[in-house]
Amino acid sequence: MRDHHAAVRTWLDHYNHDVRRMVDECYADDFIVTVPGFLRIDDREHFHKVEQAVLEAAPDRRGHIVNTIRTGDQVIVEALLTGTDPDTGTPWETPWCAILTFDGDGRITRDNTYLNPAEWPGV
């Protein structure tokens, strides 16, 4: 069985350093990403555009894992996002949680992310 905790560490490392690689390598071909009440993504082109917009609004944003819990093919990731507002120079942080479902190859098929988009700069 694939080490889902290792897959989560790779996912977050790519998120922090090479978001394009995160989208292309960490997500299965038939993935769905949701931020309930805010966003639904189910194709790579759209995902790349969303992540590019995030990087433009928060170029130094970083995710930090607080805790992970594995249950079957899912990992619940409790995390903190930090960054600096590029317009004001003010540091910011916001909690976030993702429930990631993995396929047999260790790629994400479902990403239900819970966060408050209003706490992000530029939103």
PDB file of N, CA and C in Angstrom:
ATOM      1  N   MET A   1       0.845  -1.186   0.000  1.00  0.00           N
ATOM      2  CA  MET A   1       0.000   0.000   0.000  1.00  0.00           C
ATOM      3  C   MET A   1       0.889   1.248   0.000  1.00  0.00           C
ATOM      4  N   ARG A   2       0.527   2.201  -0.782  1.00  0.00           N
ATOM      5  CA  ARG A   2       1.288   3.439  -0.924  1.00  0.00           C
ATOM      6  C   ARG A   2       1.251   4.246   0.379  1.00  0.00           C
ATOM      7  N   ASP A   3       2.344   4.920   0.677  1.00  0.00           N
ATOM      8  CA  ASP A   3       2.435   5.765   1.867  1.00  0.00           C
ATOM      9  C   ASP A   3       1.768   7.109   1.568  1.00  0.00           C
ATOM     10  N   HIS A   4       0.522   7.240   1.990  1.00  0.00           N
ATOM     11  CA  HIS A   4      -0.222   8.468   1.708  1.00  0.00           C
ATOM     12  C   HIS A   4       0.356   9.677   2.448  1.00  0.00           C
ATOM     13  N   HIS A   5       0.951   9.456   3.619  1.00  0.00           N
ATOM     14  CA  HIS A   5       1.567  10.582   4.323  1.00  0.00           C
ATOM     15  C   HIS A   5       2.749  11.126   3.512  1.00  0.00           C
ATOM     16  N   ALA A   6       3.532  10.252   2.892  1.00  0.00           N
ATOM     17  CA  ALA A   6       4.636  10.699   2.032  1.00  0.00           C
ATOM     18  C   ALA A   6       4.085  11.450   0.822  1.00  0.00           C
ATOM     19  N   ALA A   7       2.974  10.975   0.261  1.00  0.00           N
ATOM     20  CA  ALA A   7       2.347  11.656  -0.878  1.00  0.00           C
ATOM     21  C   ALA A   7       1.886  13.051  -0.475  1.00  0.00           C
ATOM     22  N   VAL A   8       1.384  13.199   0.737  1.00  0.00           N
ATOM     23  CA  VAL A   8       0.948  14.521   1.229  1.00  0.00           C
ATOM     24  C   VAL A   8       2.159  15.442   1.369  1.00  0.00           C
ATOM     25  N   ARG A   9       3.256  14.932   1.882  1.00  0.00           N
ATOM     26  CA  ARG A   9       4.465  15.761   2.012  1.00  0.00           C
ATOM     27  C   ARG A   9       4.959  16.227   0.634  1.00  0.00           C
ATOM     28  N   THR A  10       4.921  15.329  -0.353  1.00  0.00           N
ATOM     29  CA  THR A  10       5.318  15.700  -1.717  1.00  0.00           C
ATOM     30  C   THR A  10       4.367  16.742  -2.275  1.00  0.00           C
ATOM     31  N   TRP A  11       3.062  16.536  -2.087  1.00  0.00           N
ATOM     32  CA  TRP A  11       2.031  17.476  -2.550  1.00  0.00           C
ATOM     33  C   TRP A  11       2.299  18.867  -1.988  1.00  0.00           C
ATOM     34  N   LEU A  12       2.566  18.963  -0.679  1.00  0.00           N
ATOM     35  CA  LEU A  12       2.779  20.266  -0.068  1.00  0.00           C
ATOM     36  C   LEU A  12       4.112  20.874  -0.501  1.00  0.00           C
ATOM     37  N   ASP A  13       5.138  20.052  -0.654  1.00  0.00           N
ATOM     38  CA  ASP A  13       6.422  20.559  -1.127  1.00  0.00           C
ATOM     39  C   ASP A  13       6.272  21.160  -2.530  1.00  0.00           C
ATOM     40  N   HIS A  14       5.563  20.465  -3.404  1.00  0.00           N
ATOM     41  CA  HIS A  14       5.316  21.008  -4.746  1.00  0.00           C
ATOM     42  C   HIS A  14       4.450  22.265  -4.674  1.00  0.00           C
ATOM     43  N   TYR A  15       3.457  22.270  -3.784  1.00  0.00           N
ATOM     44  CA  TYR A  15       2.621  23.464  -3.613  1.00  0.00           C
ATOM     45  C   TYR A  15       3.490  24.668  -3.251  1.00  0.00           C
ATOM     46  N   ASN A  16       4.448  24.456  -2.378  1.00  0.00           N
ATOM     47  CA  ASN A  16       5.302  25.550  -1.906  1.00  0.00           C
ATOM     48  C   ASN A  16       6.385  25.952  -2.897  1.00  0.00           C
ATOM     49  N   HIS A  17       6.817  25.037  -3.774  1.00  0.00           N
ATOM     50  CA  HIS A  17       7.976  25.331  -4.617  1.00  0.00           C
ATOM     51  C   HIS A  17       7.750  25.212  -6.124  1.00  0.00           C
ATOM     52  N   ASP A  18       6.764  24.447  -6.540  1.00  0.00           N
ATOM     53  CA  ASP A  18       6.525  24.249  -7.975  1.00  0.00           C
ATOM     54  C   ASP A  18       5.076  23.809  -8.177  1.00  0.00           C
ATOM     55  N   VAL A  19       4.168  24.775  -8.105  1.00  0.00           N
ATOM     56  CA  VAL A  19       2.737  24.465  -8.106  1.00  0.00           C
ATOM     57  C   VAL A  19       2.296  23.781  -9.405  1.00  0.00           C
ATOM     58  N   ARG A  20       2.956  24.075 -10.495  1.00  0.00           N
ATOM     59  CA  ARG A  20       2.623  23.406 -11.758  1.00  0.00           C
ATOM     60  C   ARG A  20       2.884  21.897 -11.635  1.00  0.00           C
ATOM     61  N   ARG A  21       3.994  21.563 -11.045  1.00  0.00           N
ATOM     62  CA  ARG A  21       4.324  20.162 -10.814  1.00  0.00           C
ATOM     63  C   ARG A  21       3.310  19.509  -9.865  1.00  0.00           C
ATOM     64  N   MET A  22       2.861  20.252  -8.846  1.00  0.00           N
ATOM     65  CA  MET A  22       1.853  19.732  -7.936  1.00  0.00           C
ATOM     66  C   MET A  22       0.609  19.312  -8.718  1.00  0.00           C
ATOM     67  N   VAL A  23       0.115  20.203  -9.563  1.00  0.00           N
ATOM     68  CA  VAL A  23      -1.087  19.921 -10.349  1.00  0.00           C
ATOM     69  C   VAL A  23      -0.858  18.726 -11.265  1.00  0.00           C
ATOM     70  N   ASP A  24       0.263  18.711 -11.961  1.00  0.00           N
ATOM     71  CA  ASP A  24       0.514  17.678 -12.973  1.00  0.00           C
ATOM     72  C   ASP A  24       0.889  16.314 -12.395  1.00  0.00           C
ATOM     73  N   GLU A  25       1.587  16.300 -11.277  1.00  0.00           N
ATOM     74  CA  GLU A  25       2.095  15.033 -10.746  1.00  0.00           C
ATOM     75  C   GLU A  25       1.304  14.464  -9.576  1.00  0.00           C
ATOM     76  N   CYS A  26       0.679  15.309  -8.791  1.00  0.00           N
ATOM     77  CA  CYS A  26       0.028  14.830  -7.572  1.00  0.00           C
ATOM     78  C   CYS A  26      -1.440  14.473  -7.765  1.00  0.00           C
ATOM     79  N   TYR A  27      -2.056  14.958  -8.832  1.00  0.00           N
ATOM     80  CA  TYR A  27      -3.487  14.728  -9.060  1.00  0.00           C
ATOM     81  C   TYR A  27      -3.693  13.709 -10.174  1.00  0.00           C
ATOM     82  N   ALA A  28      -4.634  12.795  -9.960  1.00  0.00           N
ATOM     83  CA  ALA A  28      -4.997  11.781 -10.955  1.00  0.00           C
ATOM     84  C   ALA A  28      -5.641  12.455 -12.165  1.00  0.00           C
ATOM     85  N   ASP A  29      -5.800  11.717 -13.232  1.00  0.00           N
ATOM     86  CA  ASP A  29      -6.420  12.267 -14.443  1.00  0.00           C
ATOM     87  C   ASP A  29      -7.867  12.679 -14.224  1.00  0.00           C
ATOM     88  N   ASP A  30      -8.563  11.989 -13.335  1.00  0.00           N
ATOM     89  CA  ASP A  30      -9.992  12.246 -13.114  1.00  0.00           C
ATOM     90  C   ASP A  30     -10.248  12.890 -11.748  1.00  0.00           C
ATOM     91  N   PHE A  31      -9.480  13.933 -11.413  1.00  0.00           N
ATOM     92  CA  PHE A  31      -9.575  14.579 -10.112  1.00  0.00           C
ATOM     93  C   PHE A  31     -10.726  15.596 -10.051  1.00  0.00           C
ATOM     94  N   ILE A  32     -11.107  15.908  -8.820  1.00  0.00           N
ATOM     95  CA  ILE A  32     -12.031  17.010  -8.539  1.00  0.00           C
ATOM     96  C   ILE A  32     -11.485  17.733  -7.313  1.00  0.00           C
ATOM     97  N   VAL A  33     -11.366  19.048  -7.415  1.00  0.00           N
ATOM     98  CA  VAL A  33     -10.981  19.900  -6.292  1.00  0.00           C
ATOM     99  C   VAL A  33     -12.166  20.796  -5.984  1.00  0.00           C
ATOM    100  N   THR A  34     -12.544  20.858  -4.711  1.00  0.00           N
ATOM    101  CA  THR A  34     -13.608  21.782  -4.320  1.00  0.00           C
ATOM    102  C   THR A  34     -13.169  22.604  -3.120  1.00  0.00           C
ATOM    103  N   VAL A  35     -13.579  23.846  -3.128  1.00  0.00           N
ATOM    104  CA  VAL A  35     -13.578  24.699  -1.952  1.00  0.00           C
ATOM    105  C   VAL A  35     -15.062  25.031  -1.802  1.00  0.00           C
ATOM    106  N   PRO A  36     -15.771  24.272  -0.943  1.00  0.00           N
ATOM    107  CA  PRO A  36     -17.228  24.384  -0.881  1.00  0.00           C
ATOM    108  C   PRO A  36     -17.723  25.828  -0.779  1.00  0.00           C
ATOM    109  N   GLY A  37     -18.690  26.138  -1.627  1.00  0.00           N
ATOM    110  CA  GLY A  37     -19.273  27.470  -1.671  1.00  0.00           C
ATOM    111  C   GLY A  37     -18.452  28.484  -2.436  1.00  0.00           C
ATOM    112  N   PHE A  38     -17.300  28.054  -2.977  1.00  0.00           N
ATOM    113  CA  PHE A  38     -16.421  29.020  -3.624  1.00  0.00           C
ATOM    114  C   PHE A  38     -15.882  28.559  -4.976  1.00  0.00           C
ATOM    115  N   LEU A  39     -15.493  27.276  -5.102  1.00  0.00           N
ATOM    116  CA  LEU A  39     -14.744  26.861  -6.279  1.00  0.00           C
ATOM    117  C   LEU A  39     -14.876  25.361  -6.514  1.00  0.00           C
ATOM    118  N   ARG A  40     -14.918  24.980  -7.799  1.00  0.00           N
ATOM    119  CA  ARG A  40     -14.856  23.567  -8.196  1.00  0.00           C
ATOM    120  C   ARG A  40     -13.967  23.482  -9.436  1.00  0.00           C
ATOM    121  N   ILE A  41     -12.987  22.582  -9.393  1.00  0.00           N
ATOM    122  CA  ILE A  41     -12.052  22.415 -10.507  1.00  0.00           C
ATOM    123  C   ILE A  41     -12.022  20.934 -10.866  1.00  0.00           C
ATOM    124  N   ASP A  42     -12.123  20.644 -12.178  1.00  0.00           N
ATOM    125  CA  ASP A  42     -12.018  19.246 -12.595  1.00  0.00           C
ATOM    126  C   ASP A  42     -11.226  19.078 -13.889  1.00  0.00           C
ATOM    127  N   ASP A  43     -10.417  20.108 -14.237  1.00  0.00           N
ATOM    128  CA  ASP A  43      -9.496  19.930 -15.365  1.00  0.00           C
ATOM    129  C   ASP A  43      -8.209  20.710 -15.101  1.00  0.00           C
ATOM    130  N   ARG A  44      -7.112  20.191 -15.634  1.00  0.00           N
ATOM    131  CA  ARG A  44      -5.790  20.743 -15.334  1.00  0.00           C
ATOM    132  C   ARG A  44      -5.613  22.190 -15.802  1.00  0.00           C
ATOM    133  N   GLU A  45      -6.120  22.515 -16.979  1.00  0.00           N
ATOM    134  CA  GLU A  45      -5.957  23.881 -17.478  1.00  0.00           C
ATOM    135  C   GLU A  45      -6.573  24.888 -16.509  1.00  0.00           C
ATOM    136  N   HIS A  46      -7.780  24.606 -16.059  1.00  0.00           N
ATOM    137  CA  HIS A  46      -8.445  25.481 -15.090  1.00  0.00           C
ATOM    138  C   HIS A  46      -7.649  25.519 -13.785  1.00  0.00           C
ATOM    139  N   PHE A  47      -7.175  24.375 -13.332  1.00  0.00           N
ATOM    140  CA  PHE A  47      -6.401  24.289 -12.099  1.00  0.00           C
ATOM    141  C   PHE A  47      -5.147  25.150 -12.211  1.00  0.00           C
ATOM    142  N   HIS A  48      -4.434  25.056 -13.336  1.00  0.00           N
ATOM    143  CA  HIS A  48      -3.232  25.876 -13.538  1.00  0.00           C
ATOM    144  C   HIS A  48      -3.571  27.364 -13.500  1.00  0.00           C
ATOM    145  N   LYS A  49      -4.676  27.760 -14.101  1.00  0.00           N
ATOM    146  CA  LYS A  49      -5.075  29.174 -14.094  1.00  0.00           C
ATOM    147  C   LYS A  49      -5.394  29.654 -12.685  1.00  0.00           C
ATOM    148  N   VAL A  50      -6.100  28.835 -11.919  1.00  0.00           N
ATOM    149  CA  VAL A  50      -6.425  29.205 -10.535  1.00  0.00           C
ATOM    150  C   VAL A  50      -5.146  29.360  -9.721  1.00  0.00           C
ATOM    151  N   GLU A  51      -4.248  28.397  -9.825  1.00  0.00           N
ATOM    152  CA  GLU A  51      -3.009  28.466  -9.050  1.00  0.00           C
ATOM    153  C   GLU A  51      -2.132  29.640  -9.487  1.00  0.00           C
ATOM    154  N   GLN A  52      -2.136  29.983 -10.763  1.00  0.00           N
ATOM    155  CA  GLN A  52      -1.382  31.158 -11.225  1.00  0.00           C
ATOM    156  C   GLN A  52      -1.958  32.430 -10.622  1.00  0.00           C
ATOM    157  N   ALA A  53      -3.287  32.529 -10.555  1.00  0.00           N
ATOM    158  CA  ALA A  53      -3.932  33.694  -9.939  1.00  0.00           C
ATOM    159  C   ALA A  53      -3.586  33.781  -8.455  1.00  0.00           C
ATOM    160  N   VAL A  54      -3.541  32.640  -7.780  1.00  0.00           N
ATOM    161  CA  VAL A  54      -3.170  32.622  -6.364  1.00  0.00           C
ATOM    162  C   VAL A  54      -1.739  33.128  -6.196  1.00  0.00           C
ATOM    163  N   LEU A  55      -0.830  32.655  -7.045  1.00  0.00           N
ATOM    164  CA  LEU A  55       0.563  33.097  -6.946  1.00  0.00           C
ATOM    165  C   LEU A  55       0.716  34.593  -7.229  1.00  0.00           C
ATOM    166  N   GLU A  56      -0.103  35.128  -8.117  1.00  0.00           N
ATOM    167  CA  GLU A  56      -0.037  36.563  -8.395  1.00  0.00           C
ATOM    168  C   GLU A  56      -0.515  37.370  -7.193  1.00  0.00           C
ATOM    169  N   ALA A  57      -1.539  36.877  -6.496  1.00  0.00           N
ATOM    170  CA  ALA A  57      -2.077  37.582  -5.329  1.00  0.00           C
ATOM    171  C   ALA A  57      -1.222  37.367  -4.087  1.00  0.00           C
ATOM    172  N   ALA A  58      -0.567  36.208  -4.005  1.00  0.00           N
ATOM    173  CA  ALA A  58       0.210  35.865  -2.809  1.00  0.00           C
ATOM    174  C   ALA A  58       1.472  35.105  -3.229  1.00  0.00           C
ATOM    175  N   PRO A  59       2.450  35.810  -3.831  1.00  0.00           N
ATOM    176  CA  PRO A  59       3.607  35.130  -4.410  1.00  0.00           C
ATOM    177  C   PRO A  59       4.472  34.361  -3.415  1.00  0.00           C
ATOM    178  N   ASP A  60       4.445  34.739  -2.147  1.00  0.00           N
ATOM    179  CA  ASP A  60       5.284  34.027  -1.170  1.00  0.00           C
ATOM    180  C   ASP A  60       4.463  33.129  -0.249  1.00  0.00           C
ATOM    181  N   ARG A  61       3.243  32.802  -0.640  1.00  0.00           N
ATOM    182  CA  ARG A  61       2.399  31.966   0.209  1.00  0.00           C
ATOM    183  C   ARG A  61       3.030  30.593   0.393  1.00  0.00           C
ATOM    184  N   ARG A  62       2.906  30.084   1.600  1.00  0.00           N
ATOM    185  CA  ARG A  62       3.459  28.771   1.924  1.00  0.00           C
ATOM    186  C   ARG A  62       2.486  28.014   2.800  1.00  0.00           C
ATOM    187  N   GLY A  63       2.396  26.719   2.547  1.00  0.00           N
ATOM    188  CA  GLY A  63       1.598  25.845   3.386  1.00  0.00           C
ATOM    189  C   GLY A  63       2.481  25.156   4.405  1.00  0.00           C
ATOM    190  N   HIS A  64       1.948  24.987   5.602  1.00  0.00           N
ATOM    191  CA  HIS A  64       2.660  24.331   6.692  1.00  0.00           C
ATOM    192  C   HIS A  64       1.709  23.307   7.314  1.00  0.00           C
ATOM    193  N   ILE A  65       2.111  22.049   7.331  1.00  0.00           N
ATOM    194  CA  ILE A  65       1.267  21.011   7.913  1.00  0.00           C
ATOM    195  C   ILE A  65       1.298  21.110   9.432  1.00  0.00           C
ATOM    196  N   VAL A  66       0.115  21.089  10.023  1.00  0.00           N
ATOM    197  CA  VAL A  66      -0.032  21.071  11.472  1.00  0.00           C
ATOM    198  C   VAL A  66      -0.256  19.638  11.940  1.00  0.00           C
ATOM    199  N   ASN A  67      -1.106  18.904  11.193  1.00  0.00           N
ATOM    200  CA  ASN A  67      -1.439  17.535  11.571  1.00  0.00           C
ATOM    201  C   ASN A  67      -1.995  16.799  10.355  1.00  0.00           C
ATOM    202  N   THR A  68      -1.789  15.494  10.312  1.00  0.00           N
ATOM    203  CA  THR A  68      -2.411  14.663   9.286  1.00  0.00           C
ATOM    204  C   THR A  68      -3.021  13.438   9.963  1.00  0.00           C
ATOM    205  N   ILE A  69      -4.152  13.011   9.432  1.00  0.00           N
ATOM    206  CA  ILE A  69      -4.821  11.808   9.922  1.00  0.00           C
ATOM    207  C   ILE A  69      -5.200  10.982   8.707  1.00  0.00           C
ATOM    208  N   ARG A  70      -4.779   9.723   8.704  1.00  0.00           N
ATOM    209  CA  ARG A  70      -5.112   8.837   7.591  1.00  0.00           C
ATOM    210  C   ARG A  70      -6.233   7.909   8.004  1.00  0.00           C
ATOM    211  N   THR A  71      -7.173   7.738   7.084  1.00  0.00           N
ATOM    212  CA  THR A  71      -8.229   6.760   7.253  1.00  0.00           C
ATOM    213  C   THR A  71      -8.513   6.144   5.894  1.00  0.00           C
ATOM    214  N   GLY A  72      -8.131   4.892   5.712  1.00  0.00           N
ATOM    215  CA  GLY A  72      -8.324   4.223   4.428  1.00  0.00           C
ATOM    216  C   GLY A  72      -7.567   4.924   3.326  1.00  0.00           C
ATOM    217  N   ASP A  73      -8.285   5.322   2.271  1.00  0.00           N
ATOM    218  CA  ASP A  73      -7.649   5.991   1.130  1.00  0.00           C
ATOM    219  C   ASP A  73      -7.681   7.507   1.250  1.00  0.00           C
ATOM    220  N   GLN A  74      -7.983   8.019   2.449  1.00  0.00           N
ATOM    221  CA  GLN A  74      -8.046   9.464   2.657  1.00  0.00           C
ATOM    222  C   GLN A  74      -7.038   9.921   3.696  1.00  0.00           C
ATOM    223  N   VAL A  75      -6.561  11.156   3.509  1.00  0.00           N
ATOM    224  CA  VAL A  75      -5.748  11.819   4.513  1.00  0.00           C
ATOM    225  C   VAL A  75      -6.381  13.183   4.764  1.00  0.00           C
ATOM    226  N   ILE A  76      -6.615  13.469   6.031  1.00  0.00           N
ATOM    227  CA  ILE A  76      -7.100  14.790   6.438  1.00  0.00           C
ATOM    228  C   ILE A  76      -5.868  15.599   6.806  1.00  0.00           C
ATOM    229  N   VAL A  77      -5.733  16.739   6.161  1.00  0.00           N
ATOM    230  CA  VAL A  77      -4.567  17.601   6.372  1.00  0.00           C
ATOM    231  C   VAL A  77      -5.036  18.887   7.050  1.00  0.00           C
ATOM    232  N   GLU A  78      -4.565  19.090   8.270  1.00  0.00           N
ATOM    233  CA  GLU A  78      -4.786  20.355   8.963  1.00  0.00           C
ATOM    234  C   GLU A  78      -3.538  21.183   8.735  1.00  0.00           C
ATOM    235  N   ALA A  79      -3.707  22.404   8.250  1.00  0.00           N
ATOM    236  CA  ALA A  79      -2.533  23.177   7.857  1.00  0.00           C
ATOM    237  C   ALA A  79      -2.732  24.666   8.101  1.00  0.00           C
ATOM    238  N   LEU A  80      -1.667  25.389   7.906  1.00  0.00           N
ATOM    239  CA  LEU A  80      -1.666  26.837   8.035  1.00  0.00           C
ATOM    240  C   LEU A  80      -1.020  27.409   6.784  1.00  0.00           C
ATOM    241  N   LEU A  81      -1.649  28.418   6.210  1.00  0.00           N
ATOM    242  CA  LEU A  81      -1.069  29.147   5.084  1.00  0.00           C
ATOM    243  C   LEU A  81      -0.523  30.465   5.603  1.00  0.00           C
ATOM    244  N   THR A  82       0.674  30.808   5.159  1.00  0.00           N
ATOM    245  CA  THR A  82       1.274  32.073   5.556  1.00  0.00           C
ATOM    246  C   THR A  82       1.777  32.798   4.312  1.00  0.00           C
ATOM    247  N   GLY A  83       1.928  34.085   4.450  1.00  0.00           N
ATOM    248  CA  GLY A  83       2.454  34.881   3.352  1.00  0.00           C
ATOM    249  C   GLY A  83       2.533  36.338   3.740  1.00  0.00           C
ATOM    250  N   THR A  84       2.826  37.158   2.754  1.00  0.00           N
ATOM    251  CA  THR A  84       2.912  38.604   2.931  1.00  0.00           C
ATOM    252  C   THR A  84       2.067  39.256   1.846  1.00  0.00           C
ATOM    253  N   ASP A  85       1.208  40.174   2.228  1.00  0.00           N
ATOM    254  CA  ASP A  85       0.399  40.896   1.257  1.00  0.00           C
ATOM    255  C   ASP A  85       1.335  41.734   0.394  1.00  0.00           C
ATOM    256  N   PRO A  86       1.379  41.479  -0.937  1.00  0.00           N
ATOM    257  CA  PRO A  86       2.339  42.196  -1.782  1.00  0.00           C
ATOM    258  C   PRO A  86       2.050  43.695  -1.887  1.00  0.00           C
ATOM    259  N   ASP A  87       0.814  44.110  -1.628  1.00  0.00           N
ATOM    260  CA  ASP A  87       0.475  45.531  -1.720  1.00  0.00           C
ATOM    261  C   ASP A  87       0.851  46.314  -0.470  1.00  0.00           C
ATOM    262  N   THR A  88       0.743  45.667   0.695  1.00  0.00           N
ATOM    263  CA  THR A  88       0.968  46.378   1.953  1.00  0.00           C
ATOM    264  C   THR A  88       2.210  45.921   2.701  1.00  0.00           C
ATOM    265  N   GLY A  89       2.733  44.738   2.350  1.00  0.00           N
ATOM    266  CA  GLY A  89       3.861  44.182   3.082  1.00  0.00           C
ATOM    267  C   GLY A  89       3.466  43.557   4.410  1.00  0.00           C
ATOM    268  N   THR A  90       2.168  43.477   4.662  1.00  0.00           N
ATOM    269  CA  THR A  90       1.663  42.933   5.920  1.00  0.00           C
ATOM    270  C   THR A  90       1.662  41.410   5.887  1.00  0.00           C
ATOM    271  N   PRO A  91       2.266  40.773   6.887  1.00  0.00           N
ATOM    272  CA  PRO A  91       2.201  39.311   6.949  1.00  0.00           C
ATOM    273  C   PRO A  91       0.770  38.861   7.241  1.00  0.00           C
ATOM    274  N   TRP A  92       0.420  37.697   6.733  1.00  0.00           N
ATOM    275  CA  TRP A  92      -0.912  37.134   6.993  1.00  0.00           C
ATOM    276  C   TRP A  92      -0.776  35.632   7.200  1.00  0.00           C
ATOM    277  N   GLU A  93      -1.774  35.057   7.835  1.00  0.00           N
ATOM    278  CA  GLU A  93      -1.858  33.610   7.967  1.00  0.00           C
ATOM    279  C   GLU A  93      -3.320  33.228   8.097  1.00  0.00           C
ATOM    280  N   THR A  94      -3.625  32.035   7.635  1.00  0.00           N
ATOM    281  CA  THR A  94      -4.986  31.540   7.732  1.00  0.00           C
ATOM    282  C   THR A  94      -4.956  30.020   7.858  1.00  0.00           C
ATOM    283  N   PRO A  95      -5.809  29.479   8.725  1.00  0.00           N
ATOM    284  CA  PRO A  95      -5.883  28.021   8.813  1.00  0.00           C
ATOM    285  C   PRO A  95      -6.580  27.459   7.588  1.00  0.00           C
ATOM    286  N   TRP A  96      -6.278  26.194   7.295  1.00  0.00           N
ATOM    287  CA  TRP A  96      -6.904  25.527   6.177  1.00  0.00           C
ATOM    288  C   TRP A  96      -6.890  24.044   6.437  1.00  0.00           C
ATOM    289  N   CYS A  97      -7.849  23.359   5.854  1.00  0.00           N
ATOM    290  CA  CYS A  97      -7.957  21.917   6.006  1.00  0.00           C
ATOM    291  C   CYS A  97      -8.292  21.322   4.643  1.00  0.00           C
ATOM    292  N   ALA A  98      -7.649  20.205   4.316  1.00  0.00           N
ATOM    293  CA  ALA A  98      -7.951  19.501   3.067  1.00  0.00           C
ATOM    294  C   ALA A  98      -8.206  18.037   3.396  1.00  0.00           C
ATOM    295  N   ILE A  99      -9.245  17.508   2.800  1.00  0.00           N
ATOM    296  CA  ILE A  99      -9.509  16.075   2.870  1.00  0.00           C
ATOM    297  C   ILE A  99      -9.160  15.526   1.499  1.00  0.00           C
ATOM    298  N   LEU A 100      -8.076  14.765   1.437  1.00  0.00           N
ATOM    299  CA  LEU A 100      -7.542  14.253   0.181  1.00  0.00           C
ATOM    300  C   LEU A 100      -7.862  12.772   0.056  1.00  0.00           C
ATOM    301  N   THR A 101      -8.419  12.388  -1.092  1.00  0.00           N
ATOM    302  CA  THR A 101      -8.680  10.983  -1.393  1.00  0.00           C
ATOM    303  C   THR A 101      -7.700  10.544  -2.466  1.00  0.00           C
ATOM    304  N   PHE A 102      -7.053   9.400  -2.249  1.00  0.00           N
ATOM    305  CA  PHE A 102      -6.014   8.903  -3.138  1.00  0.00           C
ATOM    306  C   PHE A 102      -6.468   7.670  -3.902  1.00  0.00           C
ATOM    307  N   ASP A 103      -5.949   7.530  -5.123  1.00  0.00           N
ATOM    308  CA  ASP A 103      -6.166   6.301  -5.885  1.00  0.00           C
ATOM    309  C   ASP A 103      -5.083   5.296  -5.513  1.00  0.00           C
ATOM    310  N   GLY A 104      -5.091   4.132  -6.123  1.00  0.00           N
ATOM    311  CA  GLY A 104      -4.126   3.084  -5.815  1.00  0.00           C
ATOM    312  C   GLY A 104      -2.696   3.427  -6.172  1.00  0.00           C
ATOM    313  N   ASP A 105      -2.503   4.449  -7.018  1.00  0.00           N
ATOM    314  CA  ASP A 105      -1.159   4.877  -7.401  1.00  0.00           C
ATOM    315  C   ASP A 105      -0.639   6.029  -6.545  1.00  0.00           C
ATOM    316  N   GLY A 106      -1.415   6.426  -5.542  1.00  0.00           N
ATOM    317  CA  GLY A 106      -0.985   7.505  -4.660  1.00  0.00           C
ATOM    318  C   GLY A 106      -1.221   8.891  -5.216  1.00  0.00           C
ATOM    319  N   ARG A 107      -2.121   9.005  -6.195  1.00  0.00           N
ATOM    320  CA  ARG A 107      -2.451  10.320  -6.765  1.00  0.00           C
ATOM    321  C   ARG A 107      -3.817  10.757  -6.237  1.00  0.00           C
ATOM    322  N   ILE A 108      -4.000  12.041  -6.116  1.00  0.00           N
ATOM    323  CA  ILE A 108      -5.222  12.603  -5.529  1.00  0.00           C
ATOM    324  C   ILE A 108      -6.357  12.566  -6.547  1.00  0.00           C
ATOM    325  N   THR A 109      -7.471  11.972  -6.145  1.00  0.00           N
ATOM    326  CA  THR A 109      -8.662  11.959  -6.989  1.00  0.00           C
ATOM    327  C   THR A 109      -9.684  12.980  -6.523  1.00  0.00           C
ATOM    328  N   ARG A 110      -9.660  13.281  -5.235  1.00  0.00           N
ATOM    329  CA  ARG A 110     -10.615  14.233  -4.673  1.00  0.00           C
ATOM    330  C   ARG A 110      -9.893  15.075  -3.639  1.00  0.00           C
ATOM    331  N   ASP A 111     -10.083  16.388  -3.735  1.00  0.00           N
ATOM    332  CA  ASP A 111      -9.475  17.339  -2.811  1.00  0.00           C
ATOM    333  C   ASP A 111     -10.581  18.271  -2.362  1.00  0.00           C
ATOM    334  N   ASN A 112     -11.067  18.055  -1.149  1.00  0.00           N
ATOM    335  CA  ASN A 112     -12.061  18.955  -0.556  1.00  0.00           C
ATOM    336  C   ASN A 112     -11.312  19.853   0.412  1.00  0.00           C
ATOM    337  N   THR A 113     -11.115  21.094   0.015  1.00  0.00           N
ATOM    338  CA  THR A 113     -10.349  22.047   0.810  1.00  0.00           C
ATOM    339  C   THR A 113     -11.291  23.036   1.475  1.00  0.00           C
ATOM    340  N   TYR A 114     -11.054  23.245   2.757  1.00  0.00           N
ATOM    341  CA  TYR A 114     -11.870  24.163   3.543  1.00  0.00           C
ATOM    342  C   TYR A 114     -10.983  25.288   4.041  1.00  0.00           C
ATOM    343  N   LEU A 115     -11.332  26.502   3.636  1.00  0.00           N
ATOM    344  CA  LEU A 115     -10.614  27.705   4.057  1.00  0.00           C
ATOM    345  C   LEU A 115     -11.535  28.885   3.877  1.00  0.00           C
ATOM    346  N   ASN A 116     -11.127  30.014   4.393  1.00  0.00           N
ATOM    347  CA  ASN A 116     -11.899  31.238   4.247  1.00  0.00           C
ATOM    348  C   ASN A 116     -11.220  32.093   3.183  1.00  0.00           C
ATOM    349  N   PRO A 117     -11.733  32.106   1.943  1.00  0.00           N
ATOM    350  CA  PRO A 117     -11.074  32.882   0.884  1.00  0.00           C
ATOM    351  C   PRO A 117     -10.959  34.371   1.202  1.00  0.00           C
ATOM    352  N   ALA A 118     -11.820  34.899   2.055  1.00  0.00           N
ATOM    353  CA  ALA A 118     -11.761  36.313   2.402  1.00  0.00           C
ATOM    354  C   ALA A 118     -10.492  36.670   3.189  1.00  0.00           C
ATOM    355  N   GLU A 119      -9.828  35.657   3.749  1.00  0.00           N
ATOM    356  CA  GLU A 119      -8.595  35.912   4.499  1.00  0.00           C
ATOM    357  C   GLU A 119      -7.353  35.965   3.600  1.00  0.00           C
ATOM    358  N   TRP A 120      -7.535  35.708   2.292  1.00  0.00           N
ATOM    359  CA  TRP A 120      -6.422  35.754   1.349  1.00  0.00           C
ATOM    360  C   TRP A 120      -6.257  37.170   0.806  1.00  0.00           C
ATOM    361  N   PRO A 121      -5.019  37.612   0.608  1.00  0.00           N
ATOM    362  CA  PRO A 121      -4.821  38.918  -0.041  1.00  0.00           C
ATOM    363  C   PRO A 121      -5.361  38.905  -1.468  1.00  0.00           C
ATOM    364  N   GLY A 122      -5.913  40.020  -1.891  1.00  0.00           N
ATOM    365  CA  GLY A 122      -6.390  40.148  -3.262  1.00  0.00           C
ATOM    366  C   GLY A 122      -7.767  39.578  -3.515  1.00  0.00           C
ATOM    367  N   VAL A 123      -8.386  38.961  -2.496  1.00  0.00           N
ATOM    368  CA  VAL A 123      -9.732  38.383  -2.699  1.00  0.00           C
ATOM    369  C   VAL A 123     -10.777  39.362  -2.229  1.00  0.00           C
TER     370      VAL A 123
END
